[in-house]
Amino acid sequence: MATLPIKFQIIKTLLDGGEHWNYNIVPPIQKACSMESNYGRDTINFDLLELLSAGMIEDLEQQVDEDGVFKKDFLLHKYRITDFGREWAEAMKLSEED
């Protein structure tokens, strides 16, 4: 999965149709891409926001990270892929990748 661009990896992660908090999406991608720094975390989190802006994912819920699970005192977001995101993934054949 590390050979895919980060945004592709995010979409592929969300293809299961479930709801995922950013703190569950970002760390595995950080590890796969050797981006295990705060900068890497924030870069991948920004990619989530770009996919949200593009309409490929939707933001379902937010809460302040009071415990420092992901980034203390910042917003946590719960995401789900949209129909548009799923159609795009199918067109890019992401579900067929290893």
N, C-alpha and C. Protein backbone atom coordinates (compact mmCIF):
# COMPACT_ATOMS: atom_id res chain seq x y z
N MET A 1 0.82 -1.20 0.00
CA MET A 1 0.00 0.00 0.00
C MET A 1 0.86 1.26 0.00
N ALA A 2 2.09 1.19 0.48
CA ALA A 2 2.94 2.38 0.58
C ALA A 2 3.32 2.95 -0.78
N THR A 3 3.15 2.19 -1.86
CA THR A 3 3.49 2.71 -3.18
C THR A 3 2.39 3.61 -3.73
N LEU A 4 1.21 3.54 -3.17
CA LEU A 4 0.11 4.40 -3.59
C LEU A 4 0.28 5.80 -3.02
N PRO A 5 -0.16 6.84 -3.75
CA PRO A 5 -0.17 8.18 -3.16
C PRO A 5 -1.03 8.19 -1.88
N ILE A 6 -0.72 9.09 -0.99
CA ILE A 6 -1.38 9.12 0.31
C ILE A 6 -2.90 9.25 0.19
N LYS A 7 -3.37 10.12 -0.67
CA LYS A 7 -4.83 10.28 -0.80
C LYS A 7 -5.48 8.99 -1.29
N PHE A 8 -4.80 8.25 -2.16
CA PHE A 8 -5.31 6.96 -2.62
C PHE A 8 -5.39 5.98 -1.44
N GLN A 9 -4.36 5.99 -0.60
CA GLN A 9 -4.34 5.10 0.56
C GLN A 9 -5.49 5.41 1.51
N ILE A 10 -5.77 6.69 1.69
CA ILE A 10 -6.89 7.09 2.56
C ILE A 10 -8.20 6.56 2.00
N ILE A 11 -8.43 6.80 0.71
CA ILE A 11 -9.67 6.32 0.08
C ILE A 11 -9.77 4.80 0.19
N LYS A 12 -8.67 4.11 -0.08
CA LYS A 12 -8.68 2.65 0.02
C LYS A 12 -9.03 2.19 1.44
N THR A 13 -8.52 2.89 2.44
CA THR A 13 -8.83 2.57 3.84
C THR A 13 -10.32 2.71 4.11
N LEU A 14 -10.95 3.70 3.50
CA LEU A 14 -12.36 3.98 3.76
C LEU A 14 -13.33 3.17 2.89
N LEU A 15 -12.79 2.39 1.96
CA LEU A 15 -13.65 1.62 1.05
C LEU A 15 -14.49 0.56 1.76
N ASP A 16 -14.16 0.23 2.99
CA ASP A 16 -14.97 -0.76 3.72
C ASP A 16 -16.35 -0.21 4.07
N GLY A 17 -16.55 1.09 3.85
CA GLY A 17 -17.85 1.70 4.10
C GLY A 17 -18.09 2.08 5.55
N GLY A 18 -17.14 1.78 6.41
CA GLY A 18 -17.30 2.10 7.81
C GLY A 18 -16.98 3.55 8.12
N GLU A 19 -17.16 3.89 9.38
CA GLU A 19 -16.84 5.23 9.88
C GLU A 19 -15.52 5.13 10.64
N HIS A 20 -14.59 6.04 10.33
CA HIS A 20 -13.25 5.96 10.92
C HIS A 20 -12.81 7.33 11.43
N TRP A 21 -12.31 7.35 12.66
CA TRP A 21 -11.72 8.58 13.21
C TRP A 21 -10.37 8.80 12.56
N ASN A 22 -9.97 10.06 12.44
CA ASN A 22 -8.66 10.35 11.83
C ASN A 22 -7.52 9.67 12.59
N TYR A 23 -7.65 9.46 13.89
CA TYR A 23 -6.58 8.81 14.64
C TYR A 23 -6.48 7.31 14.34
N ASN A 24 -7.46 6.74 13.63
CA ASN A 24 -7.38 5.35 13.17
C ASN A 24 -6.89 5.27 11.73
N ILE A 25 -7.07 6.33 10.97
CA ILE A 25 -6.67 6.35 9.56
C ILE A 25 -5.20 6.72 9.41
N VAL A 26 -4.79 7.75 10.10
CA VAL A 26 -3.47 8.34 9.87
C VAL A 26 -2.29 7.46 10.29
N PRO A 27 -2.25 6.90 11.51
CA PRO A 27 -1.05 6.15 11.93
C PRO A 27 -0.61 5.00 11.01
N PRO A 28 -1.53 4.16 10.49
CA PRO A 28 -1.06 3.11 9.59
C PRO A 28 -0.43 3.65 8.31
N ILE A 29 -0.95 4.77 7.82
CA ILE A 29 -0.38 5.38 6.62
C ILE A 29 0.97 6.00 6.95
N GLN A 30 1.08 6.62 8.12
CA GLN A 30 2.37 7.15 8.56
C GLN A 30 3.43 6.05 8.55
N LYS A 31 3.08 4.91 9.10
CA LYS A 31 4.02 3.80 9.19
C LYS A 31 4.38 3.28 7.80
N ALA A 32 3.38 3.07 6.94
CA ALA A 32 3.61 2.54 5.60
C ALA A 32 4.48 3.47 4.76
N CYS A 33 4.39 4.77 5.02
CA CYS A 33 5.13 5.77 4.23
C CYS A 33 6.36 6.31 4.94
N SER A 34 6.71 5.72 6.08
CA SER A 34 7.85 6.19 6.88
C SER A 34 7.73 7.68 7.19
N MET A 35 6.55 8.08 7.64
CA MET A 35 6.26 9.48 7.98
C MET A 35 5.83 9.57 9.45
N GLU A 36 6.55 8.91 10.32
CA GLU A 36 6.13 8.79 11.71
C GLU A 36 6.56 9.96 12.59
N SER A 37 6.40 11.15 12.08
CA SER A 37 6.70 12.37 12.84
C SER A 37 5.41 13.18 12.98
N ASN A 38 5.46 14.21 13.81
CA ASN A 38 4.31 15.11 13.92
C ASN A 38 4.00 15.77 12.58
N TYR A 39 5.05 16.11 11.84
CA TYR A 39 4.86 16.71 10.52
C TYR A 39 4.14 15.72 9.59
N GLY A 40 4.56 14.46 9.61
CA GLY A 40 3.92 13.44 8.78
C GLY A 40 2.45 13.28 9.17
N ARG A 41 2.18 13.25 10.47
CA ARG A 41 0.80 13.14 10.96
C ARG A 41 -0.04 14.29 10.44
N ASP A 42 0.49 15.51 10.56
CA ASP A 42 -0.28 16.69 10.15
C ASP A 42 -0.44 16.76 8.63
N THR A 43 0.55 16.29 7.89
CA THR A 43 0.46 16.27 6.42
C THR A 43 -0.65 15.32 5.97
N ILE A 44 -0.68 14.13 6.54
CA ILE A 44 -1.71 13.15 6.18
C ILE A 44 -3.08 13.64 6.63
N ASN A 45 -3.15 14.26 7.78
CA ASN A 45 -4.42 14.82 8.26
C ASN A 45 -4.91 15.91 7.31
N PHE A 46 -3.99 16.70 6.77
CA PHE A 46 -4.37 17.73 5.80
C PHE A 46 -4.90 17.07 4.52
N ASP A 47 -4.32 15.94 4.13
CA ASP A 47 -4.83 15.21 2.96
C ASP A 47 -6.28 14.78 3.18
N LEU A 48 -6.62 14.41 4.41
CA LEU A 48 -8.01 14.09 4.72
C LEU A 48 -8.92 15.30 4.47
N LEU A 49 -8.45 16.47 4.88
CA LEU A 49 -9.24 17.69 4.67
C LEU A 49 -9.41 18.00 3.19
N GLU A 50 -8.38 17.74 2.40
CA GLU A 50 -8.48 17.96 0.96
C GLU A 50 -9.49 17.00 0.33
N LEU A 51 -9.50 15.73 0.76
CA LEU A 51 -10.48 14.78 0.25
C LEU A 51 -11.90 15.18 0.68
N LEU A 52 -12.02 15.74 1.87
CA LEU A 52 -13.30 16.25 2.34
C LEU A 52 -13.77 17.39 1.44
N SER A 53 -12.86 18.32 1.14
CA SER A 53 -13.19 19.46 0.27
C SER A 53 -13.58 19.02 -1.13
N ALA A 54 -12.98 17.92 -1.59
CA ALA A 54 -13.28 17.40 -2.93
C ALA A 54 -14.58 16.61 -2.97
N GLY A 55 -15.17 16.35 -1.81
CA GLY A 55 -16.43 15.62 -1.76
C GLY A 55 -16.27 14.10 -1.80
N MET A 56 -15.05 13.61 -1.63
CA MET A 56 -14.82 12.17 -1.68
C MET A 56 -15.07 11.49 -0.34
N ILE A 57 -14.97 12.25 0.73
CA ILE A 57 -15.29 11.74 2.06
C ILE A 57 -16.19 12.77 2.75
N GLU A 58 -16.87 12.32 3.78
CA GLU A 58 -17.71 13.24 4.55
C GLU A 58 -17.32 13.18 6.02
N ASP A 59 -17.48 14.30 6.68
CA ASP A 59 -17.15 14.46 8.10
C ASP A 59 -18.43 14.23 8.89
N LEU A 60 -18.43 13.19 9.70
CA LEU A 60 -19.64 12.79 10.41
C LEU A 60 -19.74 13.34 11.83
N GLU A 61 -18.60 13.50 12.46
CA GLU A 61 -18.61 13.88 13.88
C GLU A 61 -17.25 14.50 14.21
N GLN A 62 -17.25 15.39 15.19
CA GLN A 62 -16.01 16.00 15.66
C GLN A 62 -16.02 16.02 17.18
N GLN A 63 -14.82 15.98 17.74
CA GLN A 63 -14.68 16.18 19.18
C GLN A 63 -13.26 16.66 19.45
N VAL A 64 -13.11 17.42 20.52
CA VAL A 64 -11.80 17.91 20.90
C VAL A 64 -11.01 16.78 21.54
N ASP A 65 -9.75 16.64 21.15
CA ASP A 65 -8.87 15.61 21.67
C ASP A 65 -8.31 16.05 23.02
N GLU A 66 -9.10 15.91 24.05
CA GLU A 66 -8.70 16.34 25.39
C GLU A 66 -7.65 15.42 26.00
N ASP A 67 -7.61 14.16 25.57
CA ASP A 67 -6.69 13.18 26.15
C ASP A 67 -5.38 13.05 25.38
N GLY A 68 -5.25 13.71 24.26
CA GLY A 68 -4.03 13.61 23.46
C GLY A 68 -3.90 12.30 22.71
N VAL A 69 -5.03 11.71 22.33
CA VAL A 69 -5.03 10.45 21.58
C VAL A 69 -4.33 10.63 20.23
N PHE A 70 -4.57 11.77 19.59
CA PHE A 70 -4.01 12.05 18.27
C PHE A 70 -3.15 13.31 18.30
N LYS A 71 -3.76 14.41 18.72
CA LYS A 71 -3.06 15.68 18.86
C LYS A 71 -3.83 16.51 19.89
N LYS A 72 -3.29 16.61 21.07
CA LYS A 72 -3.97 17.21 22.21
C LYS A 72 -4.56 18.59 21.89
N ASP A 73 -5.82 18.74 22.28
CA ASP A 73 -6.58 19.99 22.17
C ASP A 73 -6.96 20.37 20.73
N PHE A 74 -6.76 19.47 19.78
CA PHE A 74 -7.19 19.71 18.41
C PHE A 74 -8.44 18.88 18.13
N LEU A 75 -9.11 19.20 17.03
CA LEU A 75 -10.33 18.47 16.68
C LEU A 75 -10.02 17.11 16.09
N LEU A 76 -10.74 16.11 16.57
CA LEU A 76 -10.75 14.79 15.96
C LEU A 76 -11.96 14.74 15.04
N HIS A 77 -11.82 14.04 13.92
CA HIS A 77 -12.92 13.95 12.96
C HIS A 77 -13.20 12.50 12.64
N LYS A 78 -14.47 12.18 12.49
CA LYS A 78 -14.89 10.85 12.04
C LYS A 78 -15.33 10.99 10.59
N TYR A 79 -14.74 10.16 9.72
CA TYR A 79 -14.98 10.23 8.28
C TYR A 79 -15.62 8.96 7.74
N ARG A 80 -16.27 9.12 6.59
CA ARG A 80 -16.82 8.01 5.82
C ARG A 80 -16.70 8.39 4.34
N ILE A 81 -16.48 7.40 3.50
CA ILE A 81 -16.39 7.65 2.06
C ILE A 81 -17.78 8.01 1.53
N THR A 82 -17.83 8.87 0.52
CA THR A 82 -19.08 9.24 -0.12
C THR A 82 -19.29 8.37 -1.36
N ASP A 83 -20.46 8.47 -1.94
CA ASP A 83 -20.72 7.75 -3.20
C ASP A 83 -19.74 8.21 -4.27
N PHE A 84 -19.48 9.51 -4.32
CA PHE A 84 -18.51 10.04 -5.29
C PHE A 84 -17.13 9.44 -5.06
N GLY A 85 -16.70 9.36 -3.80
CA GLY A 85 -15.40 8.77 -3.48
C GLY A 85 -15.33 7.31 -3.88
N ARG A 86 -16.42 6.59 -3.67
CA ARG A 86 -16.48 5.18 -4.04
C ARG A 86 -16.42 5.03 -5.57
N GLU A 87 -17.17 5.86 -6.29
CA GLU A 87 -17.15 5.81 -7.76
C GLU A 87 -15.76 6.13 -8.29
N TRP A 88 -15.11 7.12 -7.70
CA TRP A 88 -13.76 7.49 -8.11
C TRP A 88 -12.80 6.33 -7.87
N ALA A 89 -12.91 5.69 -6.70
CA ALA A 89 -12.04 4.55 -6.36
C ALA A 89 -12.25 3.41 -7.35
N GLU A 90 -13.49 3.18 -7.72
CA GLU A 90 -13.77 2.12 -8.70
C GLU A 90 -13.17 2.47 -10.05
N ALA A 91 -13.27 3.73 -10.45
CA ALA A 91 -12.69 4.16 -11.73
C ALA A 91 -11.16 4.03 -11.71
N MET A 92 -10.56 4.24 -10.55
CA MET A 92 -9.11 4.12 -10.41
C MET A 92 -8.68 2.69 -10.10
N LYS A 93 -9.68 1.81 -9.96
CA LYS A 93 -9.44 0.38 -9.66
C LYS A 93 -8.68 0.18 -8.35
N LEU A 94 -8.96 1.02 -7.36
CA LEU A 94 -8.30 0.90 -6.06
C LEU A 94 -8.72 -0.36 -5.32
N SER A 95 -9.95 -0.79 -5.51
CA SER A 95 -10.40 -1.97 -4.79
C SER A 95 -9.73 -3.24 -5.32
N GLU A 96 -9.11 -3.18 -6.49
CA GLU A 96 -8.46 -4.35 -7.07
C GLU A 96 -6.98 -4.41 -6.74
N GLU A 97 -6.44 -3.35 -6.13
CA GLU A 97 -5.01 -3.31 -5.78
C GLU A 97 -4.72 -4.20 -4.59
N ASP A 98 -3.47 -4.59 -4.44
CA ASP A 98 -3.03 -5.38 -3.26
C ASP A 98 -2.77 -4.49 -2.10
